[in-house]
Structures are given as structure tokens and as C-alpha cells.
ModelCIF file with pLDDT and N, C-alpha, C, O atoms, coordinates in Angstrom:
data_MODEL
#
_entry.id   MODEL 
#
_entity.id                         1 
_entity.type                       polymer 
_entity.pdbx_number_of_molecules   1 
#
_entity_poly.entity_id                      1 
_entity_poly.type                           'polypeptide(L)' 
_entity_poly.nstd_linkage                   no 
_entity_poly.nstd_monomer                   no 
_entity_poly.pdbx_seq_one_letter_code       GSDALDRRPQLSAAIADARRMRCPIIVAKLDRLSRDVHFISGLMSHRT 
_entity_poly.pdbx_seq_one_letter_code_can   GSDALDRRPQLSAAIADARRMRCPIIVAKLDRLSRDVHFISGLMSHRT 
_entity_poly.pdbx_strand_id                 A 
#
loop_
_entity_poly_seq.entity_id 
_entity_poly_seq.num 
_entity_poly_seq.mon_id 
_entity_poly_seq.hetero 
1 1  GLY n 
1 2  SER n 
1 3  ASP n 
1 4  ALA n 
1 5  LEU n 
1 6  ASP n 
1 7  ARG n 
1 8  ARG n 
1 9  PRO n 
1 10 GLN n 
1 11 LEU n 
1 12 SER n 
1 13 ALA n 
1 14 ALA n 
1 15 ILE n 
1 16 ALA n 
1 17 ASP n 
1 18 ALA n 
1 19 ARG n 
1 20 ARG n 
1 21 MET n 
1 22 ARG n 
1 23 CYS n 
1 24 PRO n 
1 25 ILE n 
1 26 ILE n 
1 27 VAL n 
1 28 ALA n 
1 29 LYS n 
1 30 LEU n 
1 31 ASP n 
1 32 ARG n 
1 33 LEU n 
1 34 SER n 
1 35 ARG n 
1 36 ASP n 
1 37 VAL n 
1 38 HIS n 
1 39 PHE n 
1 40 ILE n 
1 41 SER n 
1 42 GLY n 
1 43 LEU n 
1 44 MET n 
1 45 SER n 
1 46 HIS n 
1 47 ARG n 
1 48 THR n 
#
_struct_asym.id          A 
_struct_asym.entity_id   1 
#
loop_
_ma_qa_metric.id 
_ma_qa_metric.mode 
_ma_qa_metric.name 
_ma_qa_metric.software_group_id 
_ma_qa_metric.type 
1 global pLDDT . pLDDT 
2 local  pLDDT . pLDDT 
#
_ma_qa_metric_global.metric_id      1 
_ma_qa_metric_global.metric_value   81.98 
_ma_qa_metric_global.model_id       1 
_ma_qa_metric_global.ordinal_id     1 
#
loop_
_ma_qa_metric_local.label_asym_id 
_ma_qa_metric_local.label_comp_id 
_ma_qa_metric_local.label_seq_id 
_ma_qa_metric_local.metric_id 
_ma_qa_metric_local.metric_value 
_ma_qa_metric_local.model_id 
_ma_qa_metric_local.ordinal_id 
A GLY 1  2 53.00 1 1  
A SER 2  2 51.00 1 2  
A ASP 3  2 55.00 1 3  
A ALA 4  2 60.00 1 4  
A LEU 5  2 67.00 1 5  
A ASP 6  2 71.00 1 6  
A ARG 7  2 76.00 1 7  
A ARG 8  2 85.00 1 8  
A PRO 9  2 88.00 1 9  
A GLN 10 2 90.00 1 10 
A LEU 11 2 90.00 1 11 
A SER 12 2 89.00 1 12 
A ALA 13 2 91.00 1 13 
A ALA 14 2 92.00 1 14 
A ILE 15 2 91.00 1 15 
A ALA 16 2 90.00 1 16 
A ASP 17 2 91.00 1 17 
A ALA 18 2 92.00 1 18 
A ARG 19 2 90.00 1 19 
A ARG 20 2 90.00 1 20 
A MET 21 2 91.00 1 21 
A ARG 22 2 92.00 1 22 
A CYS 23 2 93.00 1 23 
A PRO 24 2 92.00 1 24 
A ILE 25 2 93.00 1 25 
A ILE 26 2 95.00 1 26 
A VAL 27 2 93.00 1 27 
A ALA 28 2 92.00 1 28 
A LYS 29 2 89.00 1 29 
A LEU 30 2 86.00 1 30 
A ASP 31 2 84.00 1 31 
A ARG 32 2 87.00 1 32 
A LEU 33 2 83.00 1 33 
A SER 34 2 79.00 1 34 
A ARG 35 2 73.00 1 35 
A ASP 36 2 76.00 1 36 
A VAL 37 2 75.00 1 37 
A HIS 38 2 78.00 1 38 
A PHE 39 2 80.00 1 39 
A ILE 40 2 80.00 1 40 
A SER 41 2 77.00 1 41 
A GLY 42 2 77.00 1 42 
A LEU 43 2 79.00 1 43 
A MET 44 2 76.00 1 44 
A SER 45 2 76.00 1 45 
A HIS 46 2 74.00 1 46 
A ARG 47 2 79.00 1 47 
A THR 48 2 84.00 1 48 
#
loop_
_atom_site.group_PDB 
_atom_site.id 
_atom_site.type_symbol 
_atom_site.label_atom_id 
_atom_site.label_alt_id 
_atom_site.label_comp_id 
_atom_site.label_asym_id 
_atom_site.label_entity_id 
_atom_site.label_seq_id 
_atom_site.pdbx_PDB_ins_code 
_atom_site.Cartn_x 
_atom_site.Cartn_y 
_atom_site.Cartn_z 
_atom_site.occupancy 
_atom_site.B_iso_or_equiv 
_atom_site.pdbx_formal_charge 
_atom_site.auth_seq_id 
_atom_site.auth_comp_id 
_atom_site.auth_asym_id 
_atom_site.auth_atom_id 
_atom_site.pdbx_PDB_model_num 
ATOM 1   N N  . GLY A 1 1  ? -8.870  -4.265  8.680   1.00 53.00 ? 1  GLY A N  1 
ATOM 2   C CA . GLY A 1 1  ? -9.941  -3.859  7.785   1.00 53.00 ? 1  GLY A CA 1 
ATOM 3   C C  . GLY A 1 1  ? -9.494  -3.728  6.349   1.00 53.00 ? 1  GLY A C  1 
ATOM 4   O O  . GLY A 1 1  ? -8.395  -3.249  6.072   1.00 53.00 ? 1  GLY A O  1 
ATOM 5   N N  . SER A 1 2  ? -10.352 -4.155  5.433   1.00 51.00 ? 2  SER A N  1 
ATOM 6   C CA . SER A 1 2  ? -10.008 -4.082  4.015   1.00 51.00 ? 2  SER A CA 1 
ATOM 7   C C  . SER A 1 2  ? -10.069 -2.664  3.477   1.00 51.00 ? 2  SER A C  1 
ATOM 8   O O  . SER A 1 2  ? -9.599  -2.408  2.369   1.00 51.00 ? 2  SER A O  1 
ATOM 9   N N  . ASP A 1 3  ? -10.655 -1.708  4.258   1.00 55.00 ? 3  ASP A N  1 
ATOM 10  C CA . ASP A 1 3  ? -10.721 -0.313  3.835   1.00 55.00 ? 3  ASP A CA 1 
ATOM 11  C C  . ASP A 1 3  ? -9.667  0.534   4.545   1.00 55.00 ? 3  ASP A C  1 
ATOM 12  O O  . ASP A 1 3  ? -9.771  1.760   4.587   1.00 55.00 ? 3  ASP A O  1 
ATOM 13  N N  . ALA A 1 4  ? -8.649  -0.133  5.104   1.00 60.00 ? 4  ALA A N  1 
ATOM 14  C CA . ALA A 1 4  ? -7.681  0.571   5.936   1.00 60.00 ? 4  ALA A CA 1 
ATOM 15  C C  . ALA A 1 4  ? -6.904  1.643   5.195   1.00 60.00 ? 4  ALA A C  1 
ATOM 16  O O  . ALA A 1 4  ? -6.380  2.562   5.824   1.00 60.00 ? 4  ALA A O  1 
ATOM 17  N N  . LEU A 1 5  ? -6.813  1.549   3.870   1.00 67.00 ? 5  LEU A N  1 
ATOM 18  C CA . LEU A 1 5  ? -6.064  2.555   3.108   1.00 67.00 ? 5  LEU A CA 1 
ATOM 19  C C  . LEU A 1 5  ? -6.679  3.938   3.284   1.00 67.00 ? 5  LEU A C  1 
ATOM 20  O O  . LEU A 1 5  ? -5.963  4.939   3.243   1.00 67.00 ? 5  LEU A O  1 
ATOM 21  N N  . ASP A 1 6  ? -8.001  4.009   3.480   1.00 71.00 ? 6  ASP A N  1 
ATOM 22  C CA . ASP A 1 6  ? -8.659  5.300   3.687   1.00 71.00 ? 6  ASP A CA 1 
ATOM 23  C C  . ASP A 1 6  ? -8.185  5.963   4.963   1.00 71.00 ? 6  ASP A C  1 
ATOM 24  O O  . ASP A 1 6  ? -8.264  7.186   5.083   1.00 71.00 ? 6  ASP A O  1 
ATOM 25  N N  . ARG A 1 7  ? -7.696  5.190   5.917   1.00 76.00 ? 7  ARG A N  1 
ATOM 26  C CA . ARG A 1 7  ? -7.241  5.726   7.199   1.00 76.00 ? 7  ARG A CA 1 
ATOM 27  C C  . ARG A 1 7  ? -5.726  5.865   7.255   1.00 76.00 ? 7  ARG A C  1 
ATOM 28  O O  . ARG A 1 7  ? -5.171  6.163   8.313   1.00 76.00 ? 7  ARG A O  1 
ATOM 29  N N  . ARG A 1 8  ? -5.053  5.652   6.132   1.00 85.00 ? 8  ARG A N  1 
ATOM 30  C CA . ARG A 1 8  ? -3.589  5.678   6.132   1.00 85.00 ? 8  ARG A CA 1 
ATOM 31  C C  . ARG A 1 8  ? -3.062  6.618   5.044   1.00 85.00 ? 8  ARG A C  1 
ATOM 32  O O  . ARG A 1 8  ? -2.624  6.169   3.984   1.00 85.00 ? 8  ARG A O  1 
ATOM 33  N N  . PRO A 1 9  ? -3.110  7.920   5.314   1.00 88.00 ? 9  PRO A N  1 
ATOM 34  C CA . PRO A 1 9  ? -2.695  8.899   4.306   1.00 88.00 ? 9  PRO A CA 1 
ATOM 35  C C  . PRO A 1 9  ? -1.232  8.786   3.911   1.00 88.00 ? 9  PRO A C  1 
ATOM 36  O O  . PRO A 1 9  ? -0.874  9.090   2.773   1.00 88.00 ? 9  PRO A O  1 
ATOM 37  N N  . GLN A 1 10 ? -0.382  8.353   4.833   1.00 90.00 ? 10 GLN A N  1 
ATOM 38  C CA . GLN A 1 10 ? 1.034   8.226   4.488   1.00 90.00 ? 10 GLN A CA 1 
ATOM 39  C C  . GLN A 1 10 ? 1.265   7.111   3.470   1.00 90.00 ? 10 GLN A C  1 
ATOM 40  O O  . GLN A 1 10 ? 2.119   7.237   2.593   1.00 90.00 ? 10 GLN A O  1 
ATOM 41  N N  . LEU A 1 11 ? 0.510   6.024   3.586   1.00 90.00 ? 11 LEU A N  1 
ATOM 42  C CA . LEU A 1 11 ? 0.638   4.959   2.597   1.00 90.00 ? 11 LEU A CA 1 
ATOM 43  C C  . LEU A 1 11 ? 0.105   5.424   1.255   1.00 90.00 ? 11 LEU A C  1 
ATOM 44  O O  . LEU A 1 11 ? 0.688   5.113   0.216   1.00 90.00 ? 11 LEU A O  1 
ATOM 45  N N  . SER A 1 12 ? -0.995  6.165   1.262   1.00 89.00 ? 12 SER A N  1 
ATOM 46  C CA . SER A 1 12 ? -1.524  6.721   0.008   1.00 89.00 ? 12 SER A CA 1 
ATOM 47  C C  . SER A 1 12 ? -0.497  7.646   -0.644  1.00 89.00 ? 12 SER A C  1 
ATOM 48  O O  . SER A 1 12 ? -0.311  7.629   -1.861  1.00 89.00 ? 12 SER A O  1 
ATOM 49  N N  . ALA A 1 13 ? 0.169   8.456   0.190   1.00 91.00 ? 13 ALA A N  1 
ATOM 50  C CA . ALA A 1 13 ? 1.188   9.365   -0.332  1.00 91.00 ? 13 ALA A CA 1 
ATOM 51  C C  . ALA A 1 13 ? 2.383   8.594   -0.880  1.00 91.00 ? 13 ALA A C  1 
ATOM 52  O O  . ALA A 1 13 ? 2.958   8.975   -1.900  1.00 91.00 ? 13 ALA A O  1 
ATOM 53  N N  . ALA A 1 14 ? 2.754   7.515   -0.205  1.00 92.00 ? 14 ALA A N  1 
ATOM 54  C CA . ALA A 1 14 ? 3.871   6.689   -0.673  1.00 92.00 ? 14 ALA A CA 1 
ATOM 55  C C  . ALA A 1 14 ? 3.553   6.076   -2.031  1.00 92.00 ? 14 ALA A C  1 
ATOM 56  O O  . ALA A 1 14 ? 4.407   6.034   -2.917  1.00 92.00 ? 14 ALA A O  1 
ATOM 57  N N  . ILE A 1 15 ? 2.308   5.596   -2.191  1.00 91.00 ? 15 ILE A N  1 
ATOM 58  C CA . ILE A 1 15 ? 1.903   5.018   -3.472  1.00 91.00 ? 15 ILE A CA 1 
ATOM 59  C C  . ILE A 1 15 ? 1.944   6.070   -4.575  1.00 91.00 ? 15 ILE A C  1 
ATOM 60  O O  . ILE A 1 15 ? 2.402   5.793   -5.683  1.00 91.00 ? 15 ILE A O  1 
ATOM 61  N N  . ALA A 1 16 ? 1.465   7.280   -4.272  1.00 90.00 ? 16 ALA A N  1 
ATOM 62  C CA . ALA A 1 16 ? 1.491   8.353   -5.265  1.00 90.00 ? 16 ALA A CA 1 
ATOM 63  C C  . ALA A 1 16 ? 2.922   8.704   -5.659  1.00 90.00 ? 16 ALA A C  1 
ATOM 64  O O  . ALA A 1 16 ? 3.214   8.920   -6.835  1.00 90.00 ? 16 ALA A O  1 
ATOM 65  N N  . ASP A 1 17 ? 3.811   8.758   -4.666  1.00 91.00 ? 17 ASP A N  1 
ATOM 66  C CA . ASP A 1 17 ? 5.222   9.078   -4.944  1.00 91.00 ? 17 ASP A CA 1 
ATOM 67  C C  . ASP A 1 17 ? 5.874   7.967   -5.769  1.00 91.00 ? 17 ASP A C  1 
ATOM 68  O O  . ASP A 1 17 ? 6.661   8.232   -6.678  1.00 91.00 ? 17 ASP A O  1 
ATOM 69  N N  . ALA A 1 18 ? 5.531   6.714   -5.435  1.00 92.00 ? 18 ALA A N  1 
ATOM 70  C CA . ALA A 1 18 ? 6.104   5.582   -6.171  1.00 92.00 ? 18 ALA A CA 1 
ATOM 71  C C  . ALA A 1 18 ? 5.630   5.575   -7.616  1.00 92.00 ? 18 ALA A C  1 
ATOM 72  O O  . ALA A 1 18 ? 6.396   5.244   -8.521  1.00 92.00 ? 18 ALA A O  1 
ATOM 73  N N  . ARG A 1 19 ? 4.374   5.939   -7.834  1.00 90.00 ? 19 ARG A N  1 
ATOM 74  C CA . ARG A 1 19 ? 3.871   6.032   -9.210  1.00 90.00 ? 19 ARG A CA 1 
ATOM 75  C C  . ARG A 1 19 ? 4.634   7.099   -9.987  1.00 90.00 ? 19 ARG A C  1 
ATOM 76  O O  . ARG A 1 19 ? 5.018   6.902   -11.140 1.00 90.00 ? 19 ARG A O  1 
ATOM 77  N N  . ARG A 1 20 ? 4.843   8.241   -9.320  1.00 90.00 ? 20 ARG A N  1 
ATOM 78  C CA . ARG A 1 20 ? 5.528   9.349   -9.984  1.00 90.00 ? 20 ARG A CA 1 
ATOM 79  C C  . ARG A 1 20 ? 6.953   8.965   -10.350 1.00 90.00 ? 20 ARG A C  1 
ATOM 80  O O  . ARG A 1 20 ? 7.435   9.303   -11.431 1.00 90.00 ? 20 ARG A O  1 
ATOM 81  N N  . MET A 1 21 ? 7.624   8.257   -9.449  1.00 91.00 ? 21 MET A N  1 
ATOM 82  C CA . MET A 1 21 ? 9.018   7.873   -9.677  1.00 91.00 ? 21 MET A CA 1 
ATOM 83  C C  . MET A 1 21 ? 9.157   6.552   -10.433 1.00 91.00 ? 21 MET A C  1 
ATOM 84  O O  . MET A 1 21 ? 10.238  6.197   -10.902 1.00 91.00 ? 21 MET A O  1 
ATOM 85  N N  . ARG A 1 22 ? 8.018   5.821   -10.543 1.00 92.00 ? 22 ARG A N  1 
ATOM 86  C CA . ARG A 1 22 ? 8.032   4.507   -11.170 1.00 92.00 ? 22 ARG A CA 1 
ATOM 87  C C  . ARG A 1 22 ? 9.015   3.583   -10.462 1.00 92.00 ? 22 ARG A C  1 
ATOM 88  O O  . ARG A 1 22 ? 9.889   2.977   -11.080 1.00 92.00 ? 22 ARG A O  1 
ATOM 89  N N  . CYS A 1 23 ? 8.846   3.498   -9.165  1.00 93.00 ? 23 CYS A N  1 
ATOM 90  C CA . CYS A 1 23 ? 9.735   2.673   -8.360  1.00 93.00 ? 23 CYS A CA 1 
ATOM 91  C C  . CYS A 1 23 ? 8.913   1.896   -7.315  1.00 93.00 ? 23 CYS A C  1 
ATOM 92  O O  . CYS A 1 23 ? 7.752   2.229   -7.080  1.00 93.00 ? 23 CYS A O  1 
ATOM 93  N N  . PRO A 1 24 ? 9.493   0.886   -6.698  1.00 92.00 ? 24 PRO A N  1 
ATOM 94  C CA . PRO A 1 24 ? 8.754   0.092   -5.711  1.00 92.00 ? 24 PRO A CA 1 
ATOM 95  C C  . PRO A 1 24 ? 8.747   0.728   -4.330  1.00 92.00 ? 24 PRO A C  1 
ATOM 96  O O  . PRO A 1 24 ? 9.498   1.663   -4.050  1.00 92.00 ? 24 PRO A O  1 
ATOM 97  N N  . ILE A 1 25 ? 7.875   0.195   -3.470  1.00 93.00 ? 25 ILE A N  1 
ATOM 98  C CA . ILE A 1 25 ? 7.822   0.578   -2.060  1.00 93.00 ? 25 ILE A CA 1 
ATOM 99  C C  . ILE A 1 25 ? 8.359   -0.593  -1.236  1.00 93.00 ? 25 ILE A C  1 
ATOM 100 O O  . ILE A 1 25 ? 7.962   -1.741  -1.435  1.00 93.00 ? 25 ILE A O  1 
ATOM 101 N N  . ILE A 1 26 ? 9.270   -0.283  -0.308  1.00 95.00 ? 26 ILE A N  1 
ATOM 102 C CA . ILE A 1 26 ? 9.843   -1.326  0.549   1.00 95.00 ? 26 ILE A CA 1 
ATOM 103 C C  . ILE A 1 26 ? 9.237   -1.231  1.945   1.00 95.00 ? 26 ILE A C  1 
ATOM 104 O O  . ILE A 1 26 ? 9.153   -0.147  2.522   1.00 95.00 ? 26 ILE A O  1 
ATOM 105 N N  . VAL A 1 27 ? 8.818   -2.363  2.478   1.00 93.00 ? 27 VAL A N  1 
ATOM 106 C CA . VAL A 1 27 ? 8.397   -2.456  3.877   1.00 93.00 ? 27 VAL A CA 1 
ATOM 107 C C  . VAL A 1 27 ? 9.263   -3.508  4.554   1.00 93.00 ? 27 VAL A C  1 
ATOM 108 O O  . VAL A 1 27 ? 9.783   -4.416  3.906   1.00 93.00 ? 27 VAL A O  1 
ATOM 109 N N  . ALA A 1 28 ? 9.410   -3.371  5.872   1.00 92.00 ? 28 ALA A N  1 
ATOM 110 C CA . ALA A 1 28 ? 10.248  -4.317  6.603   1.00 92.00 ? 28 ALA A CA 1 
ATOM 111 C C  . ALA A 1 28 ? 9.608   -5.703  6.639   1.00 92.00 ? 28 ALA A C  1 
ATOM 112 O O  . ALA A 1 28 ? 10.259  -6.710  6.357   1.00 92.00 ? 28 ALA A O  1 
ATOM 113 N N  . LYS A 1 29 ? 8.313   -5.737  6.992   1.00 89.00 ? 29 LYS A N  1 
ATOM 114 C CA . LYS A 1 29 ? 7.583   -7.002  7.091   1.00 89.00 ? 29 LYS A CA 1 
ATOM 115 C C  . LYS A 1 29 ? 6.211   -6.823  6.451   1.00 89.00 ? 29 LYS A C  1 
ATOM 116 O O  . LYS A 1 29 ? 5.704   -5.706  6.355   1.00 89.00 ? 29 LYS A O  1 
ATOM 117 N N  . LEU A 1 30 ? 5.619   -7.923  6.017   1.00 86.00 ? 30 LEU A N  1 
ATOM 118 C CA . LEU A 1 30 ? 4.331   -7.845  5.332   1.00 86.00 ? 30 LEU A CA 1 
ATOM 119 C C  . LEU A 1 30 ? 3.248   -7.274  6.229   1.00 86.00 ? 30 LEU A C  1 
ATOM 120 O O  . LEU A 1 30 ? 2.363   -6.565  5.751   1.00 86.00 ? 30 LEU A O  1 
ATOM 121 N N  . ASP A 1 31 ? 3.302   -7.572  7.527   1.00 84.00 ? 31 ASP A N  1 
ATOM 122 C CA . ASP A 1 31 ? 2.243   -7.075  8.413   1.00 84.00 ? 31 ASP A CA 1 
ATOM 123 C C  . ASP A 1 31 ? 2.322   -5.568  8.627   1.00 84.00 ? 31 ASP A C  1 
ATOM 124 O O  . ASP A 1 31 ? 1.403   -4.985  9.202   1.00 84.00 ? 31 ASP A O  1 
ATOM 125 N N  . ARG A 1 32 ? 3.407   -4.920  8.176   1.00 87.00 ? 32 ARG A N  1 
ATOM 126 C CA . ARG A 1 32 ? 3.447   -3.456  8.237   1.00 87.00 ? 32 ARG A CA 1 
ATOM 127 C C  . ARG A 1 32 ? 2.539   -2.855  7.163   1.00 87.00 ? 32 ARG A C  1 
ATOM 128 O O  . ARG A 1 32 ? 2.134   -1.697  7.266   1.00 87.00 ? 32 ARG A O  1 
ATOM 129 N N  . LEU A 1 33 ? 2.224   -3.637  6.141   1.00 83.00 ? 33 LEU A N  1 
ATOM 130 C CA . LEU A 1 33 ? 1.178   -3.239  5.204   1.00 83.00 ? 33 LEU A CA 1 
ATOM 131 C C  . LEU A 1 33 ? -0.175  -3.621  5.788   1.00 83.00 ? 33 LEU A C  1 
ATOM 132 O O  . LEU A 1 33 ? -1.036  -2.766  5.994   1.00 83.00 ? 33 LEU A O  1 
ATOM 133 N N  . SER A 1 34 ? -0.355  -4.910  6.053   1.00 79.00 ? 34 SER A N  1 
ATOM 134 C CA . SER A 1 34 ? -1.605  -5.383  6.652   1.00 79.00 ? 34 SER A CA 1 
ATOM 135 C C  . SER A 1 34 ? -1.515  -6.886  6.860   1.00 79.00 ? 34 SER A C  1 
ATOM 136 O O  . SER A 1 34 ? -0.693  -7.565  6.244   1.00 79.00 ? 34 SER A O  1 
ATOM 137 N N  . ARG A 1 35 ? -2.383  -7.401  7.746   1.00 73.00 ? 35 ARG A N  1 
ATOM 138 C CA . ARG A 1 35 ? -2.566  -8.843  7.879   1.00 73.00 ? 35 ARG A CA 1 
ATOM 139 C C  . ARG A 1 35 ? -3.849  -9.285  7.172   1.00 73.00 ? 35 ARG A C  1 
ATOM 140 O O  . ARG A 1 35 ? -4.239  -10.449 7.258   1.00 73.00 ? 35 ARG A O  1 
ATOM 141 N N  . ASP A 1 36 ? -4.493  -8.368  6.483   1.00 76.00 ? 36 ASP A N  1 
ATOM 142 C CA . ASP A 1 36 ? -5.756  -8.638  5.814   1.00 76.00 ? 36 ASP A CA 1 
ATOM 143 C C  . ASP A 1 36 ? -5.495  -8.923  4.336   1.00 76.00 ? 36 ASP A C  1 
ATOM 144 O O  . ASP A 1 36 ? -4.964  -8.076  3.617   1.00 76.00 ? 36 ASP A O  1 
ATOM 145 N N  . VAL A 1 37 ? -5.872  -10.120 3.890   1.00 75.00 ? 37 VAL A N  1 
ATOM 146 C CA . VAL A 1 37 ? -5.565  -10.522 2.520   1.00 75.00 ? 37 VAL A CA 1 
ATOM 147 C C  . VAL A 1 37 ? -6.303  -9.644  1.507   1.00 75.00 ? 37 VAL A C  1 
ATOM 148 O O  . VAL A 1 37 ? -5.774  -9.385  0.426   1.00 75.00 ? 37 VAL A O  1 
ATOM 149 N N  . HIS A 1 38 ? -7.515  -9.182  1.835   1.00 78.00 ? 38 HIS A N  1 
ATOM 150 C CA . HIS A 1 38 ? -8.247  -8.319  0.911   1.00 78.00 ? 38 HIS A CA 1 
ATOM 151 C C  . HIS A 1 38 ? -7.561  -6.960  0.768   1.00 78.00 ? 38 HIS A C  1 
ATOM 152 O O  . HIS A 1 38 ? -7.554  -6.369  -0.311  1.00 78.00 ? 38 HIS A O  1 
ATOM 153 N N  . PHE A 1 39 ? -6.988  -6.475  1.865   1.00 80.00 ? 39 PHE A N  1 
ATOM 154 C CA . PHE A 1 39 ? -6.269  -5.207  1.805   1.00 80.00 ? 39 PHE A CA 1 
ATOM 155 C C  . PHE A 1 39 ? -5.025  -5.349  0.931   1.00 80.00 ? 39 PHE A C  1 
ATOM 156 O O  . PHE A 1 39 ? -4.738  -4.487  0.100   1.00 80.00 ? 39 PHE A O  1 
ATOM 157 N N  . ILE A 1 40 ? -4.288  -6.445  1.126   1.00 80.00 ? 40 ILE A N  1 
ATOM 158 C CA . ILE A 1 40 ? -3.107  -6.702  0.310   1.00 80.00 ? 40 ILE A CA 1 
ATOM 159 C C  . ILE A 1 40 ? -3.495  -6.811  -1.161  1.00 80.00 ? 40 ILE A C  1 
ATOM 160 O O  . ILE A 1 40 ? -2.806  -6.281  -2.032  1.00 80.00 ? 40 ILE A O  1 
ATOM 161 N N  . SER A 1 41 ? -4.607  -7.504  -1.434  1.00 77.00 ? 41 SER A N  1 
ATOM 162 C CA . SER A 1 41 ? -5.081  -7.634  -2.807  1.00 77.00 ? 41 SER A CA 1 
ATOM 163 C C  . SER A 1 41 ? -5.409  -6.268  -3.402  1.00 77.00 ? 41 SER A C  1 
ATOM 164 O O  . SER A 1 41 ? -5.114  -6.006  -4.569  1.00 77.00 ? 41 SER A O  1 
ATOM 165 N N  . GLY A 1 42 ? -6.028  -5.388  -2.585  1.00 77.00 ? 42 GLY A N  1 
ATOM 166 C CA . GLY A 1 42 ? -6.339  -4.047  -3.040  1.00 77.00 ? 42 GLY A CA 1 
ATOM 167 C C  . GLY A 1 42 ? -5.094  -3.252  -3.376  1.00 77.00 ? 42 GLY A C  1 
ATOM 168 O O  . GLY A 1 42 ? -5.080  -2.493  -4.346  1.00 77.00 ? 42 GLY A O  1 
ATOM 169 N N  . LEU A 1 43 ? -4.045  -3.420  -2.578  1.00 79.00 ? 43 LEU A N  1 
ATOM 170 C CA . LEU A 1 43 ? -2.788  -2.719  -2.853  1.00 79.00 ? 43 LEU A CA 1 
ATOM 171 C C  . LEU A 1 43 ? -2.186  -3.191  -4.179  1.00 79.00 ? 43 LEU A C  1 
ATOM 172 O O  . LEU A 1 43 ? -1.649  -2.393  -4.947  1.00 79.00 ? 43 LEU A O  1 
ATOM 173 N N  . MET A 1 44 ? -2.283  -4.494  -4.435  1.00 76.00 ? 44 MET A N  1 
ATOM 174 C CA . MET A 1 44 ? -1.724  -5.021  -5.672  1.00 76.00 ? 44 MET A CA 1 
ATOM 175 C C  . MET A 1 44 ? -2.435  -4.422  -6.898  1.00 76.00 ? 44 MET A C  1 
ATOM 176 O O  . MET A 1 44 ? -1.840  -4.294  -7.968  1.00 76.00 ? 44 MET A O  1 
ATOM 177 N N  . SER A 1 45 ? -3.717  -4.057  -6.727  1.00 76.00 ? 45 SER A N  1 
ATOM 178 C CA . SER A 1 45 ? -4.469  -3.500  -7.852  1.00 76.00 ? 45 SER A CA 1 
ATOM 179 C C  . SER A 1 45 ? -3.973  -2.119  -8.257  1.00 76.00 ? 45 SER A C  1 
ATOM 180 O O  . SER A 1 45 ? -4.266  -1.649  -9.356  1.00 76.00 ? 45 SER A O  1 
ATOM 181 N N  . HIS A 1 46 ? -3.220  -1.467  -7.368  1.00 74.00 ? 46 HIS A N  1 
ATOM 182 C CA . HIS A 1 46 ? -2.656  -0.162  -7.705  1.00 74.00 ? 46 HIS A CA 1 
ATOM 183 C C  . HIS A 1 46 ? -1.476  -0.293  -8.673  1.00 74.00 ? 46 HIS A C  1 
ATOM 184 O O  . HIS A 1 46 ? -0.981  0.699   -9.210  1.00 74.00 ? 46 HIS A O  1 
ATOM 185 N N  . ARG A 1 47 ? -1.043  -1.520  -8.880  1.00 79.00 ? 47 ARG A N  1 
ATOM 186 C CA . ARG A 1 47 ? 0.077   -1.812  -9.787  1.00 79.00 ? 47 ARG A CA 1 
ATOM 187 C C  . ARG A 1 47 ? 1.363   -1.108  -9.376  1.00 79.00 ? 47 ARG A C  1 
ATOM 188 O O  . ARG A 1 47 ? 2.212   -0.796  -10.211 1.00 79.00 ? 47 ARG A O  1 
ATOM 189 N N  . THR A 1 48 ? 1.490   -0.869  -8.095  1.00 84.00 ? 48 THR A N  1 
ATOM 190 C CA . THR A 1 48 ? 2.738   -0.342  -7.547  1.00 84.00 ? 48 THR A CA 1 
ATOM 191 C C  . THR A 1 48 ? 3.494   -1.506  -6.916  1.00 84.00 ? 48 THR A C  1 
ATOM 192 O O  . THR A 1 48 ? 4.587   -1.315  -6.382  1.00 84.00 ? 48 THR A O  1 
#
């Protein structure tokens, strides 16, 4: 789902922490973020 971020508080917290530290987030594989291209596009809009 493209709205999956609403159901993933830990990812939201990771993004907030990364913004505060001005650092990137590392994932093992892309599908650990999502297999949905719209969701990935939404994450990119956070500029993290």
C-alpha cells in the first residue's frame, strides 16, 4: 500500500531521527522499505 507509512511508526521515527542527525537511513534490501513504487516515491519526498 502507498499509505503504508501511516502503519509503520518505527519508520516514521527513523525518518525523524535521521532528519535530526542529518544522516541517511540504511536498509538491508529495498523490499524492507516497500515493493510499492508510490510508497518509495513518497519516502523520497521526505528528502531523507
